[in-house]
Amino acid sequence: MIAEQVLFWVFALGTVGSAAAVVFTRNAVASAMSLVGCFFFLAGVYVLLWAHTIAAIQVLVYAGAIMVLFLFVIMLLSLSDQGPVLSFTPSRILGGVAVVALFVALTLVFRQGSDAPLTWTGDAAKLSSFGTIQHLGEVLYTQWLFPFEAVSLLLLVAILGAVVVAKPRI
């Protein structure tokens, strides 16, 4: 039990630290590599939650395929090492206020949380198939087929947009 808590804090602090590095790093490639670290730490949290399938998908899909796509777009666009110019525009001020409001709301929700253990009293057939690859595939390709295809189309449009933007420089 104590080892799980120590691992949780290691993974949680690693996730928050690498996410902060994504935001505050000036170099786009270093920022993308910090995002890879964030994905791996998040996969560790999933393993602690006994969600091994989600952890494997996290590493394969996000840390593998999606980050290769991000790095491809970064290299294709030849982004410089210059960071953003700090200015206080209305959208940045509104974004900061939204982040603070979200943090306050999450803090209030966590303080009001109950200490009752979570139980699931479903039927035995659903309980035995929950979390398996077969069940995930059935749900993904029946109930969530349209959003799944919409995301794949969105990624395709993003790749084509990056190529069109970078084409004059190639």
C-alpha atoms as a PDB file:
ATOM      1  CA  MET A   1       0.000   0.000   0.000  1.00  0.00           C
ATOM      2  CA  ILE A   2       2.773   2.456   0.844  1.00  0.00           C
ATOM      3  CA  ALA A   3       4.634   1.568  -2.359  1.00  0.00           C
ATOM      4  CA  GLU A   4       1.538   2.427  -4.406  1.00  0.00           C
ATOM      5  CA  GLN A   5       1.298   5.814  -2.725  1.00  0.00           C
ATOM      6  CA  VAL A   6       4.965   6.549  -3.336  1.00  0.00           C
ATOM      7  CA  LEU A   7       4.635   5.518  -6.990  1.00  0.00           C
ATOM      8  CA  PHE A   8       1.495   7.598  -7.351  1.00  0.00           C
ATOM      9  CA  TRP A   9       3.263  10.707  -6.080  1.00  0.00           C
ATOM     10  CA  VAL A  10       6.272  10.048  -8.301  1.00  0.00           C
ATOM     11  CA  PHE A  11       4.028   9.665 -11.348  1.00  0.00           C
ATOM     12  CA  ALA A  12       1.813  12.621 -10.370  1.00  0.00           C
ATOM     13  CA  LEU A  13       4.722  14.983  -9.793  1.00  0.00           C
ATOM     14  CA  GLY A  14       6.377  13.744 -12.983  1.00  0.00           C
ATOM     15  CA  THR A  15       3.175  14.383 -14.935  1.00  0.00           C
ATOM     16  CA  VAL A  16       2.746  17.894 -13.547  1.00  0.00           C
ATOM     17  CA  GLY A  17       6.447  18.711 -13.964  1.00  0.00           C
ATOM     18  CA  SER A  18       6.639  17.533 -17.555  1.00  0.00           C
ATOM     19  CA  ALA A  19       3.357  19.290 -18.372  1.00  0.00           C
ATOM     20  CA  ALA A  20       4.819  22.510 -16.975  1.00  0.00           C
ATOM     21  CA  ALA A  21       7.911  21.942 -19.113  1.00  0.00           C
ATOM     22  CA  VAL A  22       5.647  21.631 -22.172  1.00  0.00           C
ATOM     23  CA  VAL A  23       4.188  25.038 -21.468  1.00  0.00           C
ATOM     24  CA  PHE A  24       7.308  26.917 -20.396  1.00  0.00           C
ATOM     25  CA  THR A  25      10.000  25.471 -22.681  1.00  0.00           C
ATOM     26  CA  ARG A  26      10.990  27.811 -25.518  1.00  0.00           C
ATOM     27  CA  ASN A  27      12.239  25.113 -27.896  1.00  0.00           C
ATOM     28  CA  ALA A  28       9.377  23.359 -29.703  1.00  0.00           C
ATOM     29  CA  VAL A  29      11.181  20.021 -29.959  1.00  0.00           C
ATOM     30  CA  ALA A  30      12.070  20.028 -26.246  1.00  0.00           C
ATOM     31  CA  SER A  31       8.469  20.908 -25.469  1.00  0.00           C
ATOM     32  CA  ALA A  32       7.245  17.965 -27.562  1.00  0.00           C
ATOM     33  CA  MET A  33       9.675  15.619 -25.811  1.00  0.00           C
ATOM     34  CA  SER A  34       8.393  16.876 -22.447  1.00  0.00           C
ATOM     35  CA  LEU A  35       4.915  15.950 -23.666  1.00  0.00           C
ATOM     36  CA  VAL A  36       6.192  12.419 -24.326  1.00  0.00           C
ATOM     37  CA  GLY A  37       7.399  12.300 -20.716  1.00  0.00           C
ATOM     38  CA  CYS A  38       3.988  13.476 -19.570  1.00  0.00           C
ATOM     39  CA  PHE A  39       2.334  10.680 -21.566  1.00  0.00           C
ATOM     40  CA  PHE A  40       4.612   8.060 -19.988  1.00  0.00           C
ATOM     41  CA  PHE A  41       4.007   9.325 -16.449  1.00  0.00           C
ATOM     42  CA  LEU A  42       0.263   9.303 -17.144  1.00  0.00           C
ATOM     43  CA  ALA A  43       0.537   5.708 -18.345  1.00  0.00           C
ATOM     44  CA  GLY A  44       2.160   4.904 -14.999  1.00  0.00           C
ATOM     45  CA  VAL A  45      -0.853   6.355 -13.197  1.00  0.00           C
ATOM     46  CA  TYR A  46      -3.114   4.184 -15.366  1.00  0.00           C
ATOM     47  CA  VAL A  47      -1.109   1.107 -14.374  1.00  0.00           C
ATOM     48  CA  LEU A  48      -1.586   1.989 -10.710  1.00  0.00           C
ATOM     49  CA  LEU A  49      -5.339   2.131 -11.376  1.00  0.00           C
ATOM     50  CA  TRP A  50      -5.181  -1.403 -12.868  1.00  0.00           C
ATOM     51  CA  ALA A  51      -6.088  -0.020 -16.293  1.00  0.00           C
ATOM     52  CA  HIS A  52      -3.318  -1.814 -18.167  1.00  0.00           C
ATOM     53  CA  THR A  53      -5.134  -1.648 -21.513  1.00  0.00           C
ATOM     54  CA  ILE A  54      -5.489   2.123 -21.279  1.00  0.00           C
ATOM     55  CA  ALA A  55      -1.830   2.427 -20.229  1.00  0.00           C
ATOM     56  CA  ALA A  56      -0.697   0.407 -23.253  1.00  0.00           C
ATOM     57  CA  ILE A  57      -2.897   2.452 -25.571  1.00  0.00           C
ATOM     58  CA  GLN A  58      -1.554   5.640 -23.980  1.00  0.00           C
ATOM     59  CA  VAL A  59       2.022   4.640 -24.759  1.00  0.00           C
ATOM     60  CA  LEU A  60       1.386   3.197 -28.218  1.00  0.00           C
ATOM     61  CA  VAL A  61      -1.021   5.769 -29.583  1.00  0.00           C
ATOM     62  CA  TYR A  62      -0.099   9.012 -27.872  1.00  0.00           C
ATOM     63  CA  ALA A  63       3.572   8.647 -26.992  1.00  0.00           C
ATOM     64  CA  GLY A  64       4.200   6.788 -30.232  1.00  0.00           C
ATOM     65  CA  ALA A  65       1.995   7.758 -33.145  1.00  0.00           C
ATOM     66  CA  ILE A  66       0.661  11.171 -32.136  1.00  0.00           C
ATOM     67  CA  MET A  67       4.042  12.467 -30.988  1.00  0.00           C
ATOM     68  CA  VAL A  68       5.654  11.322 -34.227  1.00  0.00           C
ATOM     69  CA  LEU A  69       2.993  13.371 -36.007  1.00  0.00           C
ATOM     70  CA  PHE A  70       3.681  16.396 -33.789  1.00  0.00           C
ATOM     71  CA  LEU A  71       7.428  16.161 -34.311  1.00  0.00           C
ATOM     72  CA  PHE A  72       6.899  15.760 -38.055  1.00  0.00           C
ATOM     73  CA  VAL A  73       4.832  18.947 -38.154  1.00  0.00           C
ATOM     74  CA  ILE A  74       7.355  20.824 -35.966  1.00  0.00           C
ATOM     75  CA  MET A  75      10.241  19.786 -38.206  1.00  0.00           C
ATOM     76  CA  LEU A  76       8.238  20.528 -41.347  1.00  0.00           C
ATOM     77  CA  LEU A  77       7.346  24.028 -40.196  1.00  0.00           C
ATOM     78  CA  SER A  78      10.917  24.752 -39.029  1.00  0.00           C
ATOM     79  CA  LEU A  79       9.845  26.524 -35.882  1.00  0.00           C
ATOM     80  CA  SER A  80      12.447  28.774 -34.307  1.00  0.00           C
ATOM     81  CA  ASP A  81      13.647  28.753 -30.712  1.00  0.00           C
ATOM     82  CA  GLN A  82      12.033  32.105 -29.974  1.00  0.00           C
ATOM     83  CA  GLY A  83       9.365  31.902 -27.354  1.00  0.00           C
ATOM     84  CA  PRO A  84       6.152  33.876 -27.320  1.00  0.00           C
ATOM     85  CA  VAL A  85       6.273  37.566 -26.537  1.00  0.00           C
ATOM     86  CA  LEU A  86       4.667  38.157 -23.160  1.00  0.00           C
ATOM     87  CA  SER A  87       1.815  40.594 -23.550  1.00  0.00           C
ATOM     88  CA  PHE A  88      -1.416  40.975 -21.686  1.00  0.00           C
ATOM     89  CA  THR A  89      -4.117  40.700 -24.322  1.00  0.00           C
ATOM     90  CA  PRO A  90      -7.778  40.264 -23.355  1.00  0.00           C
ATOM     91  CA  SER A  91      -7.751  36.631 -24.476  1.00  0.00           C
ATOM     92  CA  ARG A  92      -4.742  35.817 -22.285  1.00  0.00           C
ATOM     93  CA  ILE A  93      -6.302  37.543 -19.289  1.00  0.00           C
ATOM     94  CA  LEU A  94      -9.576  35.661 -19.875  1.00  0.00           C
ATOM     95  CA  GLY A  95      -7.639  32.398 -20.212  1.00  0.00           C
ATOM     96  CA  GLY A  96      -5.828  33.037 -16.934  1.00  0.00           C
ATOM     97  CA  VAL A  97      -9.103  33.790 -15.169  1.00  0.00           C
ATOM     98  CA  ALA A  98     -10.591  30.579 -16.621  1.00  0.00           C
ATOM     99  CA  VAL A  99      -7.636  28.520 -15.351  1.00  0.00           C
ATOM    100  CA  VAL A 100      -7.963  29.973 -11.847  1.00  0.00           C
ATOM    101  CA  ALA A 101     -11.742  29.365 -11.867  1.00  0.00           C
ATOM    102  CA  LEU A 102     -11.216  25.753 -12.988  1.00  0.00           C
ATOM    103  CA  PHE A 103      -8.644  25.203 -10.231  1.00  0.00           C
ATOM    104  CA  VAL A 104     -11.018  26.619  -7.599  1.00  0.00           C
ATOM    105  CA  ALA A 105     -13.899  24.484  -8.897  1.00  0.00           C
ATOM    106  CA  LEU A 106     -11.789  21.319  -8.831  1.00  0.00           C
ATOM    107  CA  THR A 107     -10.581  22.105  -5.326  1.00  0.00           C
ATOM    108  CA  LEU A 108     -14.177  22.517  -4.119  1.00  0.00           C
ATOM    109  CA  VAL A 109     -15.255  19.274  -5.784  1.00  0.00           C
ATOM    110  CA  PHE A 110     -12.389  17.311  -4.241  1.00  0.00           C
ATOM    111  CA  ARG A 111     -13.085  18.722  -0.790  1.00  0.00           C
ATOM    112  CA  GLN A 112     -16.745  17.692  -0.999  1.00  0.00           C
ATOM    113  CA  GLY A 113     -15.905  14.176  -2.200  1.00  0.00           C
ATOM    114  CA  SER A 114     -17.202  11.286  -0.163  1.00  0.00           C
ATOM    115  CA  ASP A 115     -15.035   8.737   1.596  1.00  0.00           C
ATOM    116  CA  ALA A 116     -17.370   5.888   0.669  1.00  0.00           C
ATOM    117  CA  PRO A 117     -15.658   3.132  -1.317  1.00  0.00           C
ATOM    118  CA  LEU A 118     -16.590   2.851  -4.951  1.00  0.00           C
ATOM    119  CA  THR A 119     -18.441  -0.359  -5.777  1.00  0.00           C
ATOM    120  CA  TRP A 120     -19.938  -1.627  -8.971  1.00  0.00           C
ATOM    121  CA  THR A 121     -22.809  -4.038  -8.664  1.00  0.00           C
ATOM    122  CA  GLY A 122     -23.311  -4.967 -12.302  1.00  0.00           C
ATOM    123  CA  ASP A 123     -24.062  -8.442 -13.526  1.00  0.00           C
ATOM    124  CA  ALA A 124     -21.231 -10.969 -13.609  1.00  0.00           C
ATOM    125  CA  ALA A 125     -21.003 -11.107 -17.434  1.00  0.00           C
ATOM    126  CA  LYS A 126     -20.461  -7.355 -17.746  1.00  0.00           C
ATOM    127  CA  LEU A 127     -18.041  -7.353 -14.846  1.00  0.00           C
ATOM    128  CA  SER A 128     -15.886 -10.135 -16.307  1.00  0.00           C
ATOM    129  CA  SER A 129     -15.623  -8.495 -19.746  1.00  0.00           C
ATOM    130  CA  PHE A 130     -15.080  -4.950 -18.504  1.00  0.00           C
ATOM    131  CA  GLY A 131     -11.750  -3.471 -19.557  1.00  0.00           C
ATOM    132  CA  THR A 132     -10.777  -6.215 -21.987  1.00  0.00           C
ATOM    133  CA  ILE A 133      -9.499  -5.462 -25.475  1.00  0.00           C
ATOM    134  CA  GLN A 134     -12.538  -7.193 -26.987  1.00  0.00           C
ATOM    135  CA  HIS A 135     -14.954  -5.046 -24.989  1.00  0.00           C
ATOM    136  CA  LEU A 136     -12.986  -1.908 -25.832  1.00  0.00           C
ATOM    137  CA  GLY A 137     -13.104  -2.765 -29.545  1.00  0.00           C
ATOM    138  CA  GLU A 138     -16.825  -3.471 -29.433  1.00  0.00           C
ATOM    139  CA  VAL A 139     -17.587  -0.162 -27.735  1.00  0.00           C
ATOM    140  CA  LEU A 140     -15.158   1.822 -29.910  1.00  0.00           C
ATOM    141  CA  TYR A 141     -16.449   0.496 -33.225  1.00  0.00           C
ATOM    142  CA  THR A 142     -20.169   0.455 -32.374  1.00  0.00           C
ATOM    143  CA  GLN A 143     -21.083   3.157 -29.870  1.00  0.00           C
ATOM    144  CA  TRP A 144     -18.160   5.536 -30.574  1.00  0.00           C
ATOM    145  CA  LEU A 145     -17.547   4.933 -34.280  1.00  0.00           C
ATOM    146  CA  PHE A 146     -18.452   8.442 -35.467  1.00  0.00           C
ATOM    147  CA  PRO A 147     -16.234  10.307 -32.950  1.00  0.00           C
ATOM    148  CA  PHE A 148     -13.393   7.868 -33.680  1.00  0.00           C
ATOM    149  CA  GLU A 149     -13.618   8.546 -37.415  1.00  0.00           C
ATOM    150  CA  ALA A 150     -14.015  12.289 -36.815  1.00  0.00           C
ATOM    151  CA  VAL A 151     -10.750  12.375 -34.863  1.00  0.00           C
ATOM    152  CA  SER A 152      -8.938  10.452 -37.600  1.00  0.00           C
ATOM    153  CA  LEU A 153     -10.285  12.884 -40.201  1.00  0.00           C
ATOM    154  CA  LEU A 154      -9.216  15.825 -38.027  1.00  0.00           C
ATOM    155  CA  LEU A 155      -5.666  14.440 -37.811  1.00  0.00           C
ATOM    156  CA  LEU A 156      -5.585  13.978 -41.587  1.00  0.00           C
ATOM    157  CA  VAL A 157      -6.700  17.583 -42.123  1.00  0.00           C
ATOM    158  CA  ALA A 158      -4.025  18.769 -39.655  1.00  0.00           C
ATOM    159  CA  ILE A 159      -1.311  16.936 -41.601  1.00  0.00           C
ATOM    160  CA  LEU A 160      -2.529  18.340 -44.903  1.00  0.00           C
ATOM    161  CA  GLY A 161      -2.727  21.838 -43.405  1.00  0.00           C
ATOM    162  CA  ALA A 162       0.846  21.612 -42.145  1.00  0.00           C
ATOM    163  CA  VAL A 163       2.043  20.506 -45.577  1.00  0.00           C
ATOM    164  CA  VAL A 164       0.170  23.335 -47.315  1.00  0.00           C
ATOM    165  CA  VAL A 165       1.545  25.903 -44.856  1.00  0.00           C
ATOM    166  CA  ALA A 166       5.115  24.615 -45.234  1.00  0.00           C
ATOM    167  CA  LYS A 167       4.986  24.020 -49.001  1.00  0.00           C
ATOM    168  CA  PRO A 168       6.389  27.460 -50.025  1.00  0.00           C
ATOM    169  CA  ARG A 169       9.452  26.811 -47.858  1.00  0.00           C
ATOM    170  CA  ILE A 170      10.157  23.293 -49.147  1.00  0.00           C
END
